[in-house]
């Protein structure tokens, strides 16, 4: 198992997360405000400098009005296809 904080699979996840934010029409600053976080926190998350846990991802999905199980399913499908 890759011990790096940033693996190919994690990169796929981050792309889906960023796209979900962009599709919601929110900037990093707007998302941060809704999460009571800083824009820097969101930026670090999207760049892979700050690793997210499942509880944080679920909350981000809720703020973005993205169905969490559907989001996870899309990420899983991308990983199964070997998307890079």
PDB file of N, CA and C in Angstrom:
ATOM      1  N   UNK A   1       0.844  -1.178   0.000  1.00  0.00           N
ATOM      2  CA  UNK A   1       0.000   0.000   0.000  1.00  0.00           C
ATOM      3  C   UNK A   1       0.887   1.239   0.000  1.00  0.00           C
ATOM      4  N   UNK A   2       0.527   2.188  -0.825  1.00  0.00           N
ATOM      5  CA  UNK A   2       1.256   3.448  -0.934  1.00  0.00           C
ATOM      6  C   UNK A   2       1.060   4.253   0.341  1.00  0.00           C
ATOM      7  N   UNK A   3       2.147   4.693   0.966  1.00  0.00           N
ATOM      8  CA  UNK A   3       2.056   5.444   2.210  1.00  0.00           C
ATOM      9  C   UNK A   3       2.008   6.947   1.989  1.00  0.00           C
ATOM     10  N   UNK A   4       2.127   7.387   0.770  1.00  0.00           N
ATOM     11  CA  UNK A   4       2.109   8.809   0.473  1.00  0.00           C
ATOM     12  C   UNK A   4       0.729   9.388   0.763  1.00  0.00           C
ATOM     13  N   UNK A   5       0.718  10.637   1.216  1.00  0.00           N
ATOM     14  CA  UNK A   5      -0.562  11.320   1.427  1.00  0.00           C
ATOM     15  C   UNK A   5      -1.248  11.545   0.083  1.00  0.00           C
ATOM     16  N   UNK A   6      -0.480  11.594  -0.980  1.00  0.00           N
ATOM     17  CA  UNK A   6      -1.047  11.876  -2.291  1.00  0.00           C
ATOM     18  C   UNK A   6      -0.748  10.723  -3.236  1.00  0.00           C
ATOM     19  N   UNK A   7      -1.721   9.886  -3.460  1.00  0.00           N
ATOM     20  CA  UNK A   7      -1.604   8.781  -4.402  1.00  0.00           C
ATOM     21  C   UNK A   7      -2.431   9.102  -5.651  1.00  0.00           C
ATOM     22  N   UNK A   8      -2.282   8.282  -6.660  1.00  0.00           N
ATOM     23  CA  UNK A   8      -3.091   8.453  -7.872  1.00  0.00           C
ATOM     24  C   UNK A   8      -4.572   8.392  -7.520  1.00  0.00           C
ATOM     25  N   UNK A   9      -4.946   7.426  -6.685  1.00  0.00           N
ATOM     26  CA  UNK A   9      -6.347   7.280  -6.293  1.00  0.00           C
ATOM     27  C   UNK A   9      -6.852   8.515  -5.546  1.00  0.00           C
ATOM     28  N   UNK A  10      -6.020   9.051  -4.660  1.00  0.00           N
ATOM     29  CA  UNK A  10      -6.427  10.244  -3.925  1.00  0.00           C
ATOM     30  C   UNK A  10      -6.566  11.424  -4.877  1.00  0.00           C
ATOM     31  N   UNK A  11      -5.726  11.465  -5.891  1.00  0.00           N
ATOM     32  CA  UNK A  11      -5.837  12.517  -6.901  1.00  0.00           C
ATOM     33  C   UNK A  11      -7.159  12.455  -7.642  1.00  0.00           C
ATOM     34  N   UNK A  12      -7.613  11.244  -7.956  1.00  0.00           N
ATOM     35  CA  UNK A  12      -8.920  11.064  -8.604  1.00  0.00           C
ATOM     36  C   UNK A  12     -10.014  11.604  -7.692  1.00  0.00           C
ATOM     37  N   UNK A  13      -9.956  11.239  -6.423  1.00  0.00           N
ATOM     38  CA  UNK A  13     -10.925  11.730  -5.449  1.00  0.00           C
ATOM     39  C   UNK A  13     -10.921  13.260  -5.404  1.00  0.00           C
ATOM     40  N   UNK A  14      -9.735  13.868  -5.360  1.00  0.00           N
ATOM     41  CA  UNK A  14      -9.641  15.329  -5.281  1.00  0.00           C
ATOM     42  C   UNK A  14     -10.224  16.006  -6.508  1.00  0.00           C
ATOM     43  N   UNK A  15     -10.021  15.420  -7.680  1.00  0.00           N
ATOM     44  CA  UNK A  15     -10.609  16.000  -8.895  1.00  0.00           C
ATOM     45  C   UNK A  15     -12.128  15.982  -8.814  1.00  0.00           C
ATOM     46  N   UNK A  16     -12.691  14.888  -8.319  1.00  0.00           N
ATOM     47  CA  UNK A  16     -14.152  14.812  -8.167  1.00  0.00           C
ATOM     48  C   UNK A  16     -14.639  15.851  -7.155  1.00  0.00           C
ATOM     49  N   UNK A  17     -13.911  16.019  -6.084  1.00  0.00           N
ATOM     50  CA  UNK A  17     -14.302  16.982  -5.061  1.00  0.00           C
ATOM     51  C   UNK A  17     -14.282  18.407  -5.620  1.00  0.00           C
ATOM     52  N   UNK A  18     -13.220  18.752  -6.314  1.00  0.00           N
ATOM     53  CA  UNK A  18     -13.113  20.090  -6.909  1.00  0.00           C
ATOM     54  C   UNK A  18     -14.216  20.319  -7.938  1.00  0.00           C
ATOM     55  N   UNK A  19     -14.458  19.305  -8.780  1.00  0.00           N
ATOM     56  CA  UNK A  19     -15.511  19.443  -9.789  1.00  0.00           C
ATOM     57  C   UNK A  19     -16.878  19.619  -9.141  1.00  0.00           C
ATOM     58  N   UNK A  20     -17.120  18.917  -8.049  1.00  0.00           N
ATOM     59  CA  UNK A  20     -18.398  19.058  -7.336  1.00  0.00           C
ATOM     60  C   UNK A  20     -18.556  20.491  -6.830  1.00  0.00           C
ATOM     61  N   UNK A  21     -17.476  21.052  -6.298  1.00  0.00           N
ATOM     62  CA  UNK A  21     -17.536  22.443  -5.825  1.00  0.00           C
ATOM     63  C   UNK A  21     -17.802  23.386  -6.982  1.00  0.00           C
ATOM     64  N   UNK A  22     -17.087  23.182  -8.079  1.00  0.00           N
ATOM     65  CA  UNK A  22     -17.251  24.060  -9.237  1.00  0.00           C
ATOM     66  C   UNK A  22     -18.658  23.955  -9.819  1.00  0.00           C
ATOM     67  N   UNK A  23     -19.193  22.732  -9.905  1.00  0.00           N
ATOM     68  CA  UNK A  23     -20.560  22.541 -10.418  1.00  0.00           C
ATOM     69  C   UNK A  23     -21.592  23.205  -9.506  1.00  0.00           C
ATOM     70  N   UNK A  24     -21.288  23.285  -8.226  1.00  0.00           N
ATOM     71  CA  UNK A  24     -22.215  23.928  -7.295  1.00  0.00           C
ATOM     72  C   UNK A  24     -22.196  25.450  -7.443  1.00  0.00           C
ATOM     73  N   UNK A  25     -21.188  25.952  -8.153  1.00  0.00           N
ATOM     74  CA  UNK A  25     -21.082  27.390  -8.373  1.00  0.00           C
ATOM     75  C   UNK A  25     -20.428  28.144  -7.228  1.00  0.00           C
ATOM     76  N   UNK A  26     -19.804  27.414  -6.308  1.00  0.00           N
ATOM     77  CA  UNK A  26     -19.161  28.057  -5.161  1.00  0.00           C
ATOM     78  C   UNK A  26     -17.664  28.224  -5.395  1.00  0.00           C
ATOM     79  N   UNK A  27     -17.148  29.332  -4.920  1.00  0.00           N
ATOM     80  CA  UNK A  27     -15.703  29.521  -4.893  1.00  0.00           C
ATOM     81  C   UNK A  27     -15.163  28.816  -3.656  1.00  0.00           C
ATOM     82  N   UNK A  28     -13.855  28.692  -3.579  1.00  0.00           N
ATOM     83  CA  UNK A  28     -13.257  28.131  -2.374  1.00  0.00           C
ATOM     84  C   UNK A  28     -13.629  28.967  -1.153  1.00  0.00           C
ATOM     85  N   UNK A  29     -13.628  30.269  -1.308  1.00  0.00           N
ATOM     86  CA  UNK A  29     -13.956  31.159  -0.188  1.00  0.00           C
ATOM     87  C   UNK A  29     -15.400  30.971   0.266  1.00  0.00           C
ATOM     88  N   UNK A  30     -16.312  30.824  -0.679  1.00  0.00           N
ATOM     89  CA  UNK A  30     -17.721  30.633  -0.321  1.00  0.00           C
ATOM     90  C   UNK A  30     -17.938  29.297   0.382  1.00  0.00           C
ATOM     91  N   UNK A  31     -17.284  28.249  -0.135  1.00  0.00           N
ATOM     92  CA  UNK A  31     -17.394  26.939   0.513  1.00  0.00           C
ATOM     93  C   UNK A  31     -16.813  27.012   1.921  1.00  0.00           C
ATOM     94  N   UNK A  32     -15.668  27.651   2.048  1.00  0.00           N
ATOM     95  CA  UNK A  32     -15.026  27.781   3.353  1.00  0.00           C
ATOM     96  C   UNK A  32     -15.961  28.470   4.344  1.00  0.00           C
ATOM     97  N   UNK A  33     -16.582  29.539   3.929  1.00  0.00           N
ATOM     98  CA  UNK A  33     -17.487  30.282   4.810  1.00  0.00           C
ATOM     99  C   UNK A  33     -18.622  29.382   5.282  1.00  0.00           C
ATOM    100  N   UNK A  34     -19.190  28.605   4.382  1.00  0.00           N
ATOM    101  CA  UNK A  34     -20.307  27.719   4.739  1.00  0.00           C
ATOM    102  C   UNK A  34     -19.868  26.585   5.662  1.00  0.00           C
ATOM    103  N   UNK A  35     -18.588  26.256   5.617  1.00  0.00           N
ATOM    104  CA  UNK A  35     -18.048  25.208   6.495  1.00  0.00           C
ATOM    105  C   UNK A  35     -17.439  25.775   7.771  1.00  0.00           C
ATOM    106  N   UNK A  36     -17.491  27.086   7.919  1.00  0.00           N
ATOM    107  CA  UNK A  36     -16.818  27.769   9.036  1.00  0.00           C
ATOM    108  C   UNK A  36     -15.325  27.427   9.043  1.00  0.00           C
ATOM    109  N   UNK A  37     -14.746  27.481   7.867  1.00  0.00           N
ATOM    110  CA  UNK A  37     -13.322  27.199   7.674  1.00  0.00           C
ATOM    111  C   UNK A  37     -12.707  28.384   6.942  1.00  0.00           C
ATOM    112  N   UNK A  38     -11.433  28.249   6.594  1.00  0.00           N
ATOM    113  CA  UNK A  38     -10.766  29.303   5.828  1.00  0.00           C
ATOM    114  C   UNK A  38     -10.626  28.866   4.371  1.00  0.00           C
ATOM    115  N   UNK A  39     -10.455  29.843   3.499  1.00  0.00           N
ATOM    116  CA  UNK A  39     -10.215  29.538   2.092  1.00  0.00           C
ATOM    117  C   UNK A  39      -8.937  28.738   1.958  1.00  0.00           C
ATOM    118  N   UNK A  40      -7.960  29.031   2.795  1.00  0.00           N
ATOM    119  CA  UNK A  40      -6.692  28.310   2.776  1.00  0.00           C
ATOM    120  C   UNK A  40      -6.904  26.822   3.076  1.00  0.00           C
ATOM    121  N   UNK A  41      -7.801  26.510   4.002  1.00  0.00           N
ATOM    122  CA  UNK A  41      -8.120  25.119   4.323  1.00  0.00           C
ATOM    123  C   UNK A  41      -8.663  24.404   3.088  1.00  0.00           C
ATOM    124  N   UNK A  42      -9.604  25.033   2.396  1.00  0.00           N
ATOM    125  CA  UNK A  42     -10.197  24.424   1.202  1.00  0.00           C
ATOM    126  C   UNK A  42      -9.132  24.244   0.129  1.00  0.00           C
ATOM    127  N   UNK A  43      -8.306  25.249  -0.069  1.00  0.00           N
ATOM    128  CA  UNK A  43      -7.239  25.164  -1.054  1.00  0.00           C
ATOM    129  C   UNK A  43      -6.296  24.001  -0.753  1.00  0.00           C
ATOM    130  N   UNK A  44      -5.897  23.878   0.507  1.00  0.00           N
ATOM    131  CA  UNK A  44      -5.000  22.785   0.898  1.00  0.00           C
ATOM    132  C   UNK A  44      -5.658  21.430   0.696  1.00  0.00           C
ATOM    133  N   UNK A  45      -6.938  21.349   0.974  1.00  0.00           N
ATOM    134  CA  UNK A  45      -7.667  20.090   0.750  1.00  0.00           C
ATOM    135  C   UNK A  45      -7.678  19.740  -0.735  1.00  0.00           C
ATOM    136  N   UNK A  46      -8.012  20.705  -1.576  1.00  0.00           N
ATOM    137  CA  UNK A  46      -8.103  20.451  -3.013  1.00  0.00           C
ATOM    138  C   UNK A  46      -6.745  20.150  -3.643  1.00  0.00           C
ATOM    139  N   UNK A  47      -5.666  20.651  -3.056  1.00  0.00           N
ATOM    140  CA  UNK A  47      -4.321  20.377  -3.574  1.00  0.00           C
ATOM    141  C   UNK A  47      -3.721  19.105  -2.988  1.00  0.00           C
ATOM    142  N   UNK A  48      -4.404  18.512  -2.020  1.00  0.00           N
ATOM    143  CA  UNK A  48      -3.905  17.289  -1.412  1.00  0.00           C
ATOM    144  C   UNK A  48      -2.909  17.520  -0.297  1.00  0.00           C
ATOM    145  N   UNK A  49      -2.783  18.752   0.161  1.00  0.00           N
ATOM    146  CA  UNK A  49      -1.866  19.055   1.258  1.00  0.00           C
ATOM    147  C   UNK A  49      -2.495  18.753   2.612  1.00  0.00           C
ATOM    148  N   UNK A  50      -3.808  18.670   2.619  1.00  0.00           N
ATOM    149  CA  UNK A  50      -4.547  18.382   3.848  1.00  0.00           C
ATOM    150  C   UNK A  50      -5.468  17.194   3.534  1.00  0.00           C
ATOM    151  N   UNK A  51      -5.218  16.086   4.188  1.00  0.00           N
ATOM    152  CA  UNK A  51      -5.989  14.860   3.930  1.00  0.00           C
ATOM    153  C   UNK A  51      -7.345  14.951   4.624  1.00  0.00           C
ATOM    154  N   UNK A  52      -8.398  14.610   3.887  1.00  0.00           N
ATOM    155  CA  UNK A  52      -9.750  14.654   4.418  1.00  0.00           C
ATOM    156  C   UNK A  52     -10.188  13.283   4.913  1.00  0.00           C
ATOM    157  N   UNK A  53     -10.961  13.275   5.986  1.00  0.00           N
ATOM    158  CA  UNK A  53     -11.544  12.014   6.414  1.00  0.00           C
ATOM    159  C   UNK A  53     -12.982  11.940   5.897  1.00  0.00           C
ATOM    160  N   UNK A  54     -13.592  10.797   6.051  1.00  0.00           N
ATOM    161  CA  UNK A  54     -14.911  10.557   5.472  1.00  0.00           C
ATOM    162  C   UNK A  54     -15.977  11.476   6.065  1.00  0.00           C
ATOM    163  N   UNK A  55     -15.852  11.805   7.332  1.00  0.00           N
ATOM    164  CA  UNK A  55     -16.813  12.701   7.977  1.00  0.00           C
ATOM    165  C   UNK A  55     -16.726  14.095   7.360  1.00  0.00           C
ATOM    166  N   UNK A  56     -15.509  14.554   7.082  1.00  0.00           N
ATOM    167  CA  UNK A  56     -15.333  15.865   6.450  1.00  0.00           C
ATOM    168  C   UNK A  56     -15.876  15.861   5.025  1.00  0.00           C
ATOM    169  N   UNK A  57     -15.636  14.793   4.301  1.00  0.00           N
ATOM    170  CA  UNK A  57     -16.140  14.701   2.921  1.00  0.00           C
ATOM    171  C   UNK A  57     -17.664  14.707   2.923  1.00  0.00           C
ATOM    172  N   UNK A  58     -18.257  13.998   3.852  1.00  0.00           N
ATOM    173  CA  UNK A  58     -19.726  13.962   3.948  1.00  0.00           C
ATOM    174  C   UNK A  58     -20.271  15.361   4.216  1.00  0.00           C
ATOM    175  N   UNK A  59     -19.620  16.103   5.082  1.00  0.00           N
ATOM    176  CA  UNK A  59     -20.066  17.478   5.386  1.00  0.00           C
ATOM    177  C   UNK A  59     -19.902  18.392   4.179  1.00  0.00           C
ATOM    178  N   UNK A  60     -18.793  18.265   3.479  1.00  0.00           N
ATOM    179  CA  UNK A  60     -18.584  19.070   2.269  1.00  0.00           C
ATOM    180  C   UNK A  60     -19.673  18.755   1.253  1.00  0.00           C
ATOM    181  N   UNK A  61     -19.959  17.486   1.059  1.00  0.00           N
ATOM    182  CA  UNK A  61     -21.025  17.102   0.126  1.00  0.00           C
ATOM    183  C   UNK A  61     -22.359  17.729   0.531  1.00  0.00           C
ATOM    184  N   UNK A  62     -22.657  17.715   1.819  1.00  0.00           N
ATOM    185  CA  UNK A  62     -23.914  18.307   2.301  1.00  0.00           C
ATOM    186  C   UNK A  62     -23.972  19.795   1.969  1.00  0.00           C
ATOM    187  N   UNK A  63     -22.870  20.502   2.198  1.00  0.00           N
ATOM    188  CA  UNK A  63     -22.828  21.941   1.915  1.00  0.00           C
ATOM    189  C   UNK A  63     -22.967  22.195   0.413  1.00  0.00           C
ATOM    190  N   UNK A  64     -22.367  21.319  -0.385  1.00  0.00           N
ATOM    191  CA  UNK A  64     -22.443  21.467  -1.842  1.00  0.00           C
ATOM    192  C   UNK A  64     -23.764  20.959  -2.414  1.00  0.00           C
ATOM    193  N   UNK A  65     -24.594  20.380  -1.558  1.00  0.00           N
ATOM    194  CA  UNK A  65     -25.864  19.774  -1.956  1.00  0.00           C
ATOM    195  C   UNK A  65     -25.634  18.659  -2.976  1.00  0.00           C
ATOM    196  N   UNK A  66     -24.614  17.841  -2.669  1.00  0.00           N
ATOM    197  CA  UNK A  66     -24.264  16.683  -3.478  1.00  0.00           C
ATOM    198  C   UNK A  66     -24.582  15.447  -2.654  1.00  0.00           C
ATOM    199  N   UNK A  67     -25.311  14.518  -3.233  1.00  0.00           N
ATOM    200  CA  UNK A  67     -25.642  13.283  -2.530  1.00  0.00           C
ATOM    201  C   UNK A  67     -24.351  12.515  -2.242  1.00  0.00           C
ATOM    202  N   UNK A  68     -24.079  12.303  -0.950  1.00  0.00           N
ATOM    203  CA  UNK A  68     -22.831  11.676  -0.542  1.00  0.00           C
ATOM    204  C   UNK A  68     -22.645  10.270  -1.133  1.00  0.00           C
ATOM    205  N   UNK A  69     -23.645   9.379  -1.022  1.00  0.00           N
ATOM    206  CA  UNK A  69     -23.451   8.046  -1.627  1.00  0.00           C
ATOM    207  C   UNK A  69     -23.212   8.111  -3.141  1.00  0.00           C
ATOM    208  N   UNK A  70     -23.886   9.028  -3.815  1.00  0.00           N
ATOM    209  CA  UNK A  70     -23.681   9.171  -5.261  1.00  0.00           C
ATOM    210  C   UNK A  70     -22.265   9.680  -5.551  1.00  0.00           C
ATOM    211  N   UNK A  71     -21.781  10.611  -4.735  1.00  0.00           N
ATOM    212  CA  UNK A  71     -20.422  11.119  -4.905  1.00  0.00           C
ATOM    213  C   UNK A  71     -19.411   9.984  -4.752  1.00  0.00           C
ATOM    214  N   UNK A  72     -19.561   9.204  -3.692  1.00  0.00           N
ATOM    215  CA  UNK A  72     -18.652   8.085  -3.445  1.00  0.00           C
ATOM    216  C   UNK A  72     -18.728   7.089  -4.600  1.00  0.00           C
ATOM    217  N   UNK A  73     -19.917   6.839  -5.100  1.00  0.00           N
ATOM    218  CA  UNK A  73     -20.089   5.915  -6.220  1.00  0.00           C
ATOM    219  C   UNK A  73     -19.362   6.411  -7.473  1.00  0.00           C
ATOM    220  N   UNK A  74     -19.444   7.711  -7.735  1.00  0.00           N
ATOM    221  CA  UNK A  74     -18.745   8.279  -8.907  1.00  0.00           C
ATOM    222  C   UNK A  74     -17.234   8.144  -8.759  1.00  0.00           C
ATOM    223  N   UNK A  75     -16.735   8.428  -7.568  1.00  0.00           N
ATOM    224  CA  UNK A  75     -15.299   8.284  -7.329  1.00  0.00           C
ATOM    225  C   UNK A  75     -14.899   6.824  -7.513  1.00  0.00           C
ATOM    226  N   UNK A  76     -15.682   5.936  -6.942  1.00  0.00           N
ATOM    227  CA  UNK A  76     -15.378   4.505  -7.052  1.00  0.00           C
ATOM    228  C   UNK A  76     -15.390   4.036  -8.507  1.00  0.00           C
ATOM    229  N   UNK A  77     -16.348   4.496  -9.292  1.00  0.00           N
ATOM    230  CA  UNK A  77     -16.416   4.131 -10.711  1.00  0.00           C
ATOM    231  C   UNK A  77     -15.183   4.637 -11.458  1.00  0.00           C
ATOM    232  N   UNK A  78     -14.746   5.846 -11.160  1.00  0.00           N
ATOM    233  CA  UNK A  78     -13.542   6.378 -11.800  1.00  0.00           C
ATOM    234  C   UNK A  78     -12.318   5.547 -11.445  1.00  0.00           C
ATOM    235  N   UNK A  79     -12.233   5.151 -10.188  1.00  0.00           N
ATOM    236  CA  UNK A  79     -11.093   4.321  -9.756  1.00  0.00           C
ATOM    237  C   UNK A  79     -11.148   2.951 -10.429  1.00  0.00           C
ATOM    238  N   UNK A  80     -12.329   2.386 -10.550  1.00  0.00           N
ATOM    239  CA  UNK A  80     -12.469   1.068 -11.186  1.00  0.00           C
ATOM    240  C   UNK A  80     -12.081   1.113 -12.672  1.00  0.00           C
ATOM    241  N   UNK A  81     -12.363   2.258 -13.313  1.00  0.00           N
ATOM    242  CA  UNK A  81     -11.991   2.415 -14.727  1.00  0.00           C
ATOM    243  C   UNK A  81     -10.511   2.708 -14.888  1.00  0.00           C
ATOM    244  N   UNK A  82      -9.867   3.080 -13.787  1.00  0.00           N
ATOM    245  CA  UNK A  82      -8.440   3.413 -13.858  1.00  0.00           C
ATOM    246  C   UNK A  82      -8.190   4.825 -14.318  1.00  0.00           C
ATOM    247  N   UNK A  83      -9.180   5.703 -14.136  1.00  0.00           N
ATOM    248  CA  UNK A  83      -8.980   7.109 -14.500  1.00  0.00           C
ATOM    249  C   UNK A  83      -7.770   7.665 -13.776  1.00  0.00           C
ATOM    250  N   UNK A  84      -7.060   8.522 -14.466  1.00  0.00           N
ATOM    251  CA  UNK A  84      -5.855   9.114 -13.856  1.00  0.00           C
ATOM    252  C   UNK A  84      -6.058  10.573 -13.559  1.00  0.00           C
TER     253      UNK A  84
END
